[in-house]
């Protein structure tokens, strides 16, 4: 009549074979790889299992870590069982296989932890002209050099994270902050960032004879900061107004 299916069946015991964890458990059917019916009405064929082998399962949700507490391995007794198309079955006992009591523990993590950027940047240089303390007859100052270093692990510093401000500390108010000009930088292979800014700055919110400070302020892409430079003080002359 031909062979209907070929499977493995097994039982799982503790290391002393004193406890059976479940009844017979059957694998999925094996795959016929060659052969079949013979001229005399018999059957001659070979069967393969999955290329990765079979998983020995005690019952759904079983964990060797929590459900098996024996000091040694547990065992799986394995049979090969066949059934033909007429409903007749036969089995062949292969033997008992030892399974370590940690065989289905979760594998150790293999993913490399993703580094995070938690350190604020450092301002190395803040150089502005005219000379600090000068009396200005123009609303323009020059940011000669604003050097920034963001240590590893750094996501970098964007142009929107670098600004230039001016304020009137003796009067109060009048704190004007604007994007710093000419921001550029580079991430090194070691994942630290170095860069800076330079260019002309047009001052705002100043009146004749005002005394005011200018400063730089930096935050990195990850939101660490703000970090401020020291303040440099200037004065306006008696006629220049910077709205």
Protein backbone atom coordinates (compact mmCIF):
# COMPACT_ATOMS: atom_id res chain seq x y z
CA UNK A 1 0.00 0.00 0.00
CA UNK A 2 3.00 2.31 0.32
CA UNK A 3 4.33 4.32 3.23
CA UNK A 4 2.11 7.16 4.46
CA UNK A 5 4.72 8.84 6.69
CA UNK A 6 7.99 8.37 8.60
CA UNK A 7 8.58 10.28 11.83
CA UNK A 8 10.72 10.35 14.91
CA UNK A 9 9.09 9.92 18.29
CA UNK A 10 10.70 10.46 21.66
CA UNK A 11 10.23 10.71 25.39
CA UNK A 12 12.19 12.96 27.73
CA UNK A 13 13.42 11.81 31.16
CA UNK A 14 15.51 13.26 33.95
CA UNK A 15 19.11 12.13 34.30
CA UNK A 16 18.14 9.10 36.43
CA UNK A 17 15.31 8.14 34.05
CA UNK A 18 12.98 8.29 37.05
CA UNK A 19 10.73 11.09 35.79
CA UNK A 20 9.04 11.28 32.40
CA UNK A 21 8.27 14.88 31.47
CA UNK A 22 5.69 14.07 28.80
CA UNK A 23 4.25 11.26 26.74
CA UNK A 24 5.51 10.40 23.29
CA UNK A 25 6.28 13.46 21.22
CA UNK A 26 6.35 13.15 17.42
CA UNK A 27 8.47 15.07 14.97
CA UNK A 28 7.20 16.46 11.70
CA UNK A 29 7.24 13.87 8.90
CA UNK A 30 10.60 13.14 7.35
CA UNK A 31 11.04 13.91 3.65
CA UNK A 32 11.44 11.08 1.16
CA UNK A 33 14.66 11.72 -0.70
CA UNK A 34 14.60 8.77 -3.12
CA UNK A 35 12.97 5.44 -3.86
CA UNK A 36 9.39 4.31 -3.45
CA UNK A 37 7.29 1.36 -4.58
CA UNK A 38 9.03 -1.76 -5.92
CA UNK A 39 7.93 -4.02 -8.82
CA UNK A 40 6.89 -6.72 -6.36
CA UNK A 41 4.49 -4.38 -4.54
CA UNK A 42 6.86 -3.53 -1.73
CA UNK A 43 8.42 -0.23 -0.66
CA UNK A 44 12.07 0.80 -0.69
CA UNK A 45 12.91 4.43 0.03
CA UNK A 46 15.19 6.68 2.05
CA UNK A 47 14.07 9.61 4.20
CA UNK A 48 15.80 12.79 5.35
CA UNK A 49 15.10 15.08 8.27
CA UNK A 50 15.55 18.85 8.19
CA UNK A 51 19.11 20.02 7.51
CA UNK A 52 19.35 21.69 10.91
CA UNK A 53 18.20 18.57 12.79
CA UNK A 54 15.27 18.26 15.19
CA UNK A 55 14.59 20.29 18.31
CA UNK A 56 13.94 18.06 21.32
CA UNK A 57 11.01 19.68 23.14
CA UNK A 58 9.63 18.45 26.45
CA UNK A 59 6.39 20.42 26.32
CA UNK A 60 5.40 23.91 25.17
CA UNK A 61 7.08 26.54 27.31
CA UNK A 62 9.56 24.08 28.87
CA UNK A 63 12.80 25.69 30.04
CA UNK A 64 15.73 23.57 31.12
CA UNK A 65 16.82 26.49 33.26
CA UNK A 66 13.64 26.71 35.37
CA UNK A 67 11.74 23.42 34.84
CA UNK A 68 14.62 20.99 35.06
CA UNK A 69 16.67 21.16 38.26
CA UNK A 70 18.68 17.96 38.09
CA UNK A 71 22.44 18.20 38.57
CA UNK A 72 23.23 16.40 35.33
CA UNK A 73 21.88 16.17 31.80
CA UNK A 74 18.39 15.01 30.96
CA UNK A 75 17.75 12.29 28.37
CA UNK A 76 15.70 11.84 25.23
CA UNK A 77 14.85 8.29 24.12
CA UNK A 78 14.28 8.29 20.37
CA UNK A 79 12.43 5.87 18.06
CA UNK A 80 11.81 5.87 14.32
CA UNK A 81 8.15 5.12 13.54
CA UNK A 82 6.46 4.51 10.20
CA UNK A 83 2.86 4.10 9.09
CA UNK A 84 1.70 2.75 5.77
CA UNK A 85 -1.37 3.73 3.80
CA UNK A 86 -3.32 0.84 5.30
CA UNK A 87 -2.80 2.18 8.85
CA UNK A 88 -0.15 -0.36 9.91
CA UNK A 89 2.74 1.04 11.98
CA UNK A 90 6.16 -0.13 13.13
CA UNK A 91 8.94 1.45 15.17
CA UNK A 92 12.68 1.07 15.68
CA UNK A 93 14.43 2.20 18.88
CA UNK A 94 17.55 4.27 18.28
CA UNK A 95 18.70 4.91 21.85
CA UNK A 96 18.92 7.52 24.59
CA UNK A 97 20.59 10.86 23.98
CA UNK A 98 21.92 13.07 26.75
CA UNK A 99 20.93 16.73 26.64
CA UNK A 100 22.76 19.28 28.84
CA UNK A 101 20.49 20.95 31.36
CA UNK A 102 21.36 24.30 29.78
CA UNK A 103 20.64 23.26 26.18
CA UNK A 104 17.70 25.64 25.72
CA UNK A 105 19.00 28.52 27.81
CA UNK A 106 19.00 31.83 25.91
CA UNK A 107 22.31 32.35 24.11
CA UNK A 108 24.55 35.10 25.48
CA UNK A 109 24.03 38.47 23.82
CA UNK A 110 26.14 38.97 20.75
CA UNK A 111 25.12 42.49 19.82
CA UNK A 112 27.74 45.14 20.45
CA UNK A 113 26.33 47.81 22.78
CA UNK A 114 25.59 51.03 20.95
CA UNK A 115 27.68 53.85 22.43
CA UNK A 116 25.91 57.00 23.56
CA UNK A 117 26.99 60.62 23.47
CA UNK A 118 26.78 61.95 27.03
CA UNK A 119 29.67 64.42 27.30
CA UNK A 120 29.23 68.13 26.50
CA UNK A 121 31.63 69.82 24.08
CA UNK A 122 34.56 71.96 25.17
CA UNK A 123 35.33 75.46 23.84
CA UNK A 124 39.07 75.76 23.27
CA UNK A 125 39.34 79.27 21.80
CA UNK A 126 37.15 82.36 21.61
CA UNK A 127 38.86 85.21 19.72
CA UNK A 128 36.98 88.35 18.66
CA UNK A 129 38.08 91.68 17.19
CA UNK A 130 38.30 94.66 17.68
CA UNK A 131 40.45 94.33 20.81
CA UNK A 132 38.37 93.58 23.93
CA UNK A 133 37.45 96.78 25.76
CA UNK A 134 37.31 98.87 22.58
CA UNK A 135 34.72 101.59 21.94
CA UNK A 136 32.87 100.65 18.77
CA UNK A 137 31.71 103.00 16.06
CA UNK A 138 30.19 100.15 14.00
CA UNK A 139 27.64 97.45 14.62
CA UNK A 140 29.98 94.77 13.22
CA UNK A 141 32.51 92.65 15.12
CA UNK A 142 34.56 89.76 13.75
CA UNK A 143 34.58 86.30 15.20
CA UNK A 144 38.17 85.40 14.37
CA UNK A 145 38.13 81.93 15.87
CA UNK A 146 35.77 79.82 17.94
CA UNK A 147 37.43 76.41 18.34
CA UNK A 148 35.28 73.52 19.65
CA UNK A 149 36.13 69.97 20.69
CA UNK A 150 33.50 67.28 21.43
CA UNK A 151 35.12 64.15 22.94
CA UNK A 152 34.28 60.58 21.96
CA UNK A 153 31.76 59.14 21.76
CA UNK A 154 30.41 62.14 19.81
CA UNK A 155 27.54 62.47 17.37
CA UNK A 156 29.09 65.75 16.28
CA UNK A 157 28.16 69.42 16.45
CA UNK A 158 25.86 70.95 13.85
CA UNK A 159 25.75 74.55 12.66
CA UNK A 160 22.49 75.05 14.56
CA UNK A 161 24.29 74.17 17.79
CA UNK A 162 26.79 77.05 17.60
CA UNK A 163 25.65 80.60 18.36
CA UNK A 164 26.95 84.10 19.13
CA UNK A 165 25.28 86.44 21.58
CA UNK A 166 25.48 90.00 22.84
CA UNK A 167 23.90 91.37 26.01
CA UNK A 168 23.85 94.49 28.20
CA UNK A 169 24.52 93.09 31.70
CA UNK A 170 24.41 96.49 33.46
CA UNK A 171 21.09 97.49 31.90
CA UNK A 172 19.37 94.12 31.77
CA UNK A 173 17.63 92.65 28.78
CA UNK A 174 18.89 93.13 25.28
CA UNK A 175 20.26 89.58 25.06
CA UNK A 176 20.48 88.83 21.32
CA UNK A 177 21.58 85.39 20.14
CA UNK A 178 22.16 84.49 16.49
CA UNK A 179 23.70 81.56 14.60
CA UNK A 180 27.48 81.74 14.48
CA UNK A 181 28.94 82.13 10.98
CA UNK A 182 31.15 79.66 9.14
CA UNK A 183 30.61 76.59 11.30
CA UNK A 184 32.54 73.51 10.14
CA UNK A 185 34.09 70.41 11.67
CA UNK A 186 34.86 66.73 11.25
CA UNK A 187 34.35 63.46 13.12
CA UNK A 188 37.61 61.56 13.57
CA UNK A 189 37.95 57.75 13.28
CA UNK A 190 37.99 57.74 17.08
CA UNK A 191 34.50 59.31 17.11
CA UNK A 192 35.47 62.66 18.55
CA UNK A 193 34.59 65.91 16.80
CA UNK A 194 36.76 68.98 16.18
CA UNK A 195 35.64 72.14 14.48
CA UNK A 196 34.96 75.81 14.80
CA UNK A 197 33.32 78.97 13.51
CA UNK A 198 34.48 82.33 12.16
CA UNK A 199 33.09 85.33 10.29
CA UNK A 200 31.43 88.73 10.66
CA UNK A 201 28.73 89.36 13.29
CA UNK A 202 26.18 92.18 13.11
CA UNK A 203 25.23 93.28 16.62
CA UNK A 204 21.63 94.02 17.61
CA UNK A 205 19.74 95.74 20.40
CA UNK A 206 22.45 98.29 21.29
CA UNK A 207 22.21 102.06 21.75
CA UNK A 208 24.84 104.81 21.92
CA UNK A 209 27.06 104.62 25.02
CA UNK A 210 25.88 101.07 25.88
CA UNK A 211 28.38 98.76 27.55
CA UNK A 212 27.81 95.19 26.48
CA UNK A 213 29.30 91.70 26.40
CA UNK A 214 29.69 89.23 23.54
CA UNK A 215 29.99 85.47 23.97
CA UNK A 216 29.77 82.13 22.16
CA UNK A 217 27.54 79.20 23.09
CA UNK A 218 27.72 75.58 21.91
CA UNK A 219 25.57 72.40 22.23
CA UNK A 220 26.24 69.11 20.45
CA UNK A 221 23.81 67.11 18.31
CA UNK A 222 22.91 64.88 21.27
CA UNK A 223 21.78 67.88 23.30
CA UNK A 224 24.78 68.06 25.66
CA UNK A 225 25.26 71.68 26.64
CA UNK A 226 24.87 74.57 26.30
CA UNK A 227 28.49 75.48 27.04
CA UNK A 228 29.40 79.18 27.14
CA UNK A 229 32.62 81.01 26.39
CA UNK A 230 33.96 83.73 28.65
CA UNK A 231 32.36 87.15 28.02
CA UNK A 232 34.23 89.93 26.22
CA UNK A 233 33.19 93.50 26.99
CA UNK A 234 32.84 96.41 24.56
CA UNK A 235 31.22 99.87 24.57
CA UNK A 236 29.38 101.78 21.87
CA UNK A 237 30.40 105.33 21.01
CA UNK A 238 28.06 108.27 21.53
CA UNK A 239 26.35 108.16 18.12
CA UNK A 240 26.17 104.56 16.84
CA UNK A 241 22.84 102.77 17.21
CA UNK A 242 22.47 99.00 16.48
CA UNK A 243 18.74 98.22 16.27
